[in-house]
């Protein structure tokens, strides 16, 4: 089957797009989440040259004082200006193909009819630059499909909508996902794992002695939360740098014990 307009290249599979989302969530310390199946949407886009001019009075007549030219893009489904996608569309439209992609997809409806295309693009450009519509000229408009994966993720009690660009893998909406605060057990486990590498020892000793331990605020927060929620555990003692030094030395001792056991000493 063939599409009515060229489709930009699909460089990321749905599996690859899902892996990218999981990787970004991992960076934000999320381990438990529900990722809904990704669906492929083919969204109509217009890439076009714009020209507009600014007039001024001269000897009782209006003259063109300044003219501006450039390239813009409009989402034909949502009818929104997307200047951030101009370079992507420009650099990939020659690689576009007319055939339909493999697997299931949804071709999104174009809400800009062909007969109104120039007028709508002029109107959106005039609105974007806050100039009179009559001062805008549109040329070389090209219509194409941009492949996008849509999905939703559930984190705790909140859902987030994400869009993964199948051309370059960019994830739209990921910036709305907050970082998850690590728990005390996670922090302790990561610290012990870091201490297995001798090159990290100096860093931890320096941070603790100078009072700049990166995880100290999180330990304090965890202790306060536990106290407020009535768990009956007061962890405020963990905010002392000497207690942290003791715990670090104890962790080093346990690591050495493990090494000696492995070597049979």
Protein backbone atom coordinates (compact mmCIF):
# COMPACT_ATOMS: atom_id res chain seq x y z
CA UNK A 1 0.00 0.00 0.00
CA UNK A 2 1.02 3.58 -0.58
CA UNK A 3 0.43 6.69 1.45
CA UNK A 4 -0.86 9.85 -0.14
CA UNK A 5 2.23 11.71 1.08
CA UNK A 6 5.82 10.65 1.84
CA UNK A 7 6.63 9.13 5.24
CA UNK A 8 9.82 10.14 7.03
CA UNK A 9 12.16 7.22 7.85
CA UNK A 10 11.33 5.06 10.89
CA UNK A 11 14.71 4.64 12.55
CA UNK A 12 13.40 3.31 15.87
CA UNK A 13 11.25 0.22 16.34
CA UNK A 14 8.55 0.13 19.00
CA UNK A 15 10.83 -2.09 21.09
CA UNK A 16 13.70 0.36 20.76
CA UNK A 17 11.41 3.26 21.64
CA UNK A 18 10.13 1.40 24.73
CA UNK A 19 13.71 0.67 25.82
CA UNK A 20 14.56 4.38 25.50
CA UNK A 21 11.61 5.28 27.74
CA UNK A 22 12.67 2.68 30.33
CA UNK A 23 16.22 4.01 30.27
CA UNK A 24 15.03 7.56 30.91
CA UNK A 25 12.81 6.38 33.78
CA UNK A 26 15.77 4.52 35.26
CA UNK A 27 17.78 7.76 35.23
CA UNK A 28 14.99 9.26 37.34
CA UNK A 29 15.25 6.35 39.82
CA UNK A 30 11.94 4.75 38.82
CA UNK A 31 11.97 0.96 39.15
CA UNK A 32 8.29 0.14 39.36
CA UNK A 33 6.02 1.52 36.65
CA UNK A 34 3.48 0.45 34.06
CA UNK A 35 4.37 1.22 30.45
CA UNK A 36 1.38 0.94 28.13
CA UNK A 37 1.91 -0.63 24.67
CA UNK A 38 3.28 1.83 22.14
CA UNK A 39 1.18 2.65 19.09
CA UNK A 40 2.51 4.17 15.88
CA UNK A 41 0.83 7.33 14.61
CA UNK A 42 1.57 8.88 11.23
CA UNK A 43 1.04 12.61 11.76
CA UNK A 44 0.71 14.99 8.78
CA UNK A 45 3.16 17.89 8.80
CA UNK A 46 3.72 20.88 6.54
CA UNK A 47 7.22 22.22 5.91
CA UNK A 48 7.22 25.56 4.11
CA UNK A 49 9.11 28.76 3.37
CA UNK A 50 7.68 31.94 4.81
CA UNK A 51 8.29 35.56 3.84
CA UNK A 52 6.81 38.53 5.62
CA UNK A 53 7.47 42.23 5.48
CA UNK A 54 7.18 45.26 7.74
CA UNK A 55 5.99 48.55 6.27
CA UNK A 56 6.67 52.16 7.15
CA UNK A 57 5.33 55.56 6.02
CA UNK A 58 7.50 57.50 3.58
CA UNK A 59 6.32 60.67 1.84
CA UNK A 60 2.71 59.73 2.45
CA UNK A 61 3.13 56.24 1.06
CA UNK A 62 3.70 52.84 2.68
CA UNK A 63 6.99 51.24 1.76
CA UNK A 64 8.60 47.95 2.72
CA UNK A 65 11.01 48.75 5.52
CA UNK A 66 12.18 45.21 6.23
CA UNK A 67 11.56 41.66 4.95
CA UNK A 68 12.16 38.40 6.84
CA UNK A 69 12.44 34.92 5.35
CA UNK A 70 12.75 31.46 6.84
CA UNK A 71 11.33 27.96 7.18
CA UNK A 72 8.57 26.76 9.51
CA UNK A 73 6.62 23.58 10.22
CA UNK A 74 2.98 23.08 11.16
CA UNK A 75 1.38 19.97 12.65
CA UNK A 76 -1.50 19.32 10.26
CA UNK A 77 -3.49 17.31 12.81
CA UNK A 78 -3.34 19.66 15.80
CA UNK A 79 -2.78 22.70 13.54
CA UNK A 80 0.06 23.95 15.72
CA UNK A 81 3.33 25.63 14.83
CA UNK A 82 6.36 23.40 15.54
CA UNK A 83 9.50 25.40 14.84
CA UNK A 84 11.44 22.92 17.00
CA UNK A 85 10.91 20.22 14.35
CA UNK A 86 12.00 22.25 11.32
CA UNK A 87 15.58 20.92 11.18
CA UNK A 88 14.40 17.33 11.64
CA UNK A 89 11.92 17.62 8.78
CA UNK A 90 14.38 19.47 6.53
CA UNK A 91 17.16 16.91 7.00
CA UNK A 92 14.93 13.87 6.49
CA UNK A 93 12.27 14.73 3.94
CA UNK A 94 14.46 13.57 1.03
CA UNK A 95 14.74 10.18 2.76
CA UNK A 96 10.96 9.83 2.95
CA UNK A 97 9.21 6.88 1.27
CA UNK A 98 5.68 6.51 -0.07
CA UNK A 99 5.06 2.98 1.23
CA UNK A 100 3.19 2.15 4.44
CA UNK A 101 5.23 0.95 7.43
CA UNK A 102 5.25 -2.66 8.63
CA UNK A 103 2.87 -3.52 11.41
CA UNK A 104 -0.10 -1.65 12.80
CA UNK A 105 -0.31 2.12 12.55
CA UNK A 106 -2.84 4.92 12.68
CA UNK A 107 -2.83 7.63 10.01
CA UNK A 108 -3.91 10.81 11.77
CA UNK A 109 -6.48 12.97 10.05
CA UNK A 110 -5.20 16.18 8.44
CA UNK A 111 -7.31 19.11 9.59
CA UNK A 112 -6.00 21.45 6.88
CA UNK A 113 -7.78 20.86 3.59
CA UNK A 114 -5.75 21.19 0.41
CA UNK A 115 -7.81 24.11 -0.90
CA UNK A 116 -7.24 26.04 2.37
CA UNK A 117 -3.60 25.04 2.87
CA UNK A 118 -1.96 28.32 1.82
CA UNK A 119 -4.42 30.50 3.75
CA UNK A 120 -4.09 28.46 6.94
CA UNK A 121 -0.28 28.47 6.78
CA UNK A 122 -0.32 32.24 6.20
CA UNK A 123 -2.65 32.71 9.16
CA UNK A 124 -0.49 30.55 11.50
CA UNK A 125 2.66 32.39 10.38
CA UNK A 126 1.05 35.80 10.89
CA UNK A 127 -0.08 34.73 14.36
CA UNK A 128 3.37 33.31 15.20
CA UNK A 129 5.20 36.53 14.31
CA UNK A 130 2.38 38.93 15.29
CA UNK A 131 2.21 40.57 11.86
CA UNK A 132 -0.76 41.26 9.52
CA UNK A 133 -1.79 38.23 7.48
CA UNK A 134 -1.61 40.36 4.31
CA UNK A 135 2.12 40.85 4.93
CA UNK A 136 2.84 37.13 4.74
CA UNK A 137 3.76 35.07 1.66
CA UNK A 138 4.03 31.26 1.72
CA UNK A 139 6.01 29.22 -0.81
CA UNK A 140 7.29 25.67 -1.44
CA UNK A 141 4.93 24.00 1.02
CA UNK A 142 5.59 20.26 1.37
CA UNK A 143 3.30 17.83 3.15
CA UNK A 144 4.74 14.69 4.77
CA UNK A 145 4.02 12.19 7.53
CA UNK A 146 6.04 12.16 10.74
CA UNK A 147 6.07 8.75 12.52
CA UNK A 148 5.48 9.05 16.26
CA UNK A 149 5.01 6.41 18.96
CA UNK A 150 2.40 7.30 21.59
CA UNK A 151 2.26 5.72 25.03
CA UNK A 152 1.32 6.32 28.65
CA UNK A 153 3.16 5.43 31.83
CA UNK A 154 1.71 4.98 35.31
CA UNK A 155 3.99 6.04 38.17
CA UNK A 156 2.39 5.62 41.56
CA UNK A 157 -1.02 7.23 41.27
CA UNK A 158 -0.26 9.49 38.31
CA UNK A 159 -0.22 8.93 34.55
CA UNK A 160 2.01 10.66 32.01
CA UNK A 161 1.63 10.82 28.23
CA UNK A 162 4.78 10.38 26.16
CA UNK A 163 5.55 10.71 22.47
CA UNK A 164 8.66 9.06 21.01
CA UNK A 165 9.84 10.42 17.67
CA UNK A 166 10.51 7.38 15.47
CA UNK A 167 13.00 9.38 13.35
CA UNK A 168 15.47 10.56 16.01
CA UNK A 169 14.20 8.87 19.19
CA UNK A 170 13.45 12.13 21.05
CA UNK A 171 10.95 11.65 23.89
CA UNK A 172 8.41 14.41 24.24
CA UNK A 173 6.80 14.71 27.68
CA UNK A 174 9.61 12.99 29.63
CA UNK A 175 10.50 16.31 31.23
CA UNK A 176 7.21 16.19 33.15
CA UNK A 177 8.25 12.99 34.93
CA UNK A 178 9.75 13.83 38.35
CA UNK A 179 12.80 12.20 39.91
CA UNK A 180 11.94 9.61 42.54
CA UNK A 181 13.57 10.10 45.92
CA UNK A 182 15.69 7.09 46.85
CA UNK A 183 14.99 5.26 50.12
CA UNK A 184 17.58 4.77 52.86
CA UNK A 185 18.12 1.10 51.95
CA UNK A 186 18.81 2.01 48.31
CA UNK A 187 21.26 4.74 49.32
CA UNK A 188 23.09 2.39 51.70
CA UNK A 189 23.27 -0.40 49.13
CA UNK A 190 24.62 1.94 46.43
CA UNK A 191 27.19 3.38 48.85
CA UNK A 192 28.46 -0.08 49.78
CA UNK A 193 28.67 -1.04 46.11
CA UNK A 194 30.64 2.15 45.41
CA UNK A 195 33.02 1.31 48.23
CA UNK A 196 33.92 -1.95 46.52
CA UNK A 197 35.99 0.24 44.19
CA UNK A 198 39.04 1.58 46.11
CA UNK A 199 39.21 4.69 43.91
CA UNK A 200 35.91 5.85 45.45
CA UNK A 201 37.11 5.68 49.07
CA UNK A 202 38.88 9.04 49.04
CA UNK A 203 35.80 10.73 47.60
CA UNK A 204 33.52 9.47 50.38
CA UNK A 205 36.01 10.28 53.17
CA UNK A 206 36.43 13.81 51.81
CA UNK A 207 32.67 14.38 51.48
CA UNK A 208 31.96 13.14 55.01
CA UNK A 209 34.79 15.08 56.69
CA UNK A 210 33.95 18.31 54.85
CA UNK A 211 30.22 17.83 55.48
CA UNK A 212 29.43 17.68 51.76
CA UNK A 213 28.19 14.10 51.58
CA UNK A 214 25.84 14.06 48.58
CA UNK A 215 23.33 11.63 50.09
CA UNK A 216 23.19 13.16 53.59
CA UNK A 217 20.09 15.30 52.83
CA UNK A 218 18.25 12.20 51.58
CA UNK A 219 19.15 10.25 54.72
CA UNK A 220 17.90 13.16 56.82
CA UNK A 221 14.67 13.34 54.84
CA UNK A 222 14.12 9.60 55.22
CA UNK A 223 14.69 9.84 58.99
CA UNK A 224 12.25 12.72 59.34
CA UNK A 225 9.61 10.99 57.18
CA UNK A 226 9.89 7.81 59.22
CA UNK A 227 9.46 9.75 62.46
CA UNK A 228 6.47 11.72 61.15
CA UNK A 229 4.69 8.62 59.89
CA UNK A 230 4.91 7.01 63.32
CA UNK A 231 7.12 4.10 62.34
CA UNK A 232 8.78 4.26 65.74
CA UNK A 233 12.28 4.49 64.23
CA UNK A 234 14.44 7.56 64.82
CA UNK A 235 17.21 7.65 62.21
CA UNK A 236 18.41 11.16 62.98
CA UNK A 237 21.67 9.70 64.36
CA UNK A 238 22.60 8.92 60.75
CA UNK A 239 23.05 12.64 60.12
CA UNK A 240 26.27 12.62 62.21
CA UNK A 241 29.39 12.52 60.02
CA UNK A 242 31.18 10.37 62.64
CA UNK A 243 28.43 7.76 62.50
CA UNK A 244 28.70 7.80 58.70
CA UNK A 245 32.49 7.39 58.94
CA UNK A 246 31.98 4.43 61.27
CA UNK A 247 29.47 2.85 58.88
CA UNK A 248 31.82 3.38 55.94
CA UNK A 249 34.75 1.80 57.80
CA UNK A 250 32.52 -1.07 58.83
CA UNK A 251 31.48 -1.54 55.21
CA UNK A 252 35.15 -1.56 54.15
CA UNK A 253 35.88 -4.15 56.85
CA UNK A 254 33.08 -6.41 55.57
CA UNK A 255 34.35 -6.05 52.00
CA UNK A 256 37.86 -7.08 53.07
CA UNK A 257 36.41 -10.04 54.98
CA UNK A 258 34.55 -11.10 51.84
CA UNK A 259 37.72 -10.80 49.73
CA UNK A 260 39.75 -12.91 52.18
CA UNK A 261 37.07 -15.59 52.25
CA UNK A 262 37.03 -15.78 48.47
CA UNK A 263 40.79 -16.18 48.38
CA UNK A 264 40.66 -18.83 51.11
CA UNK A 265 42.77 -16.86 53.58
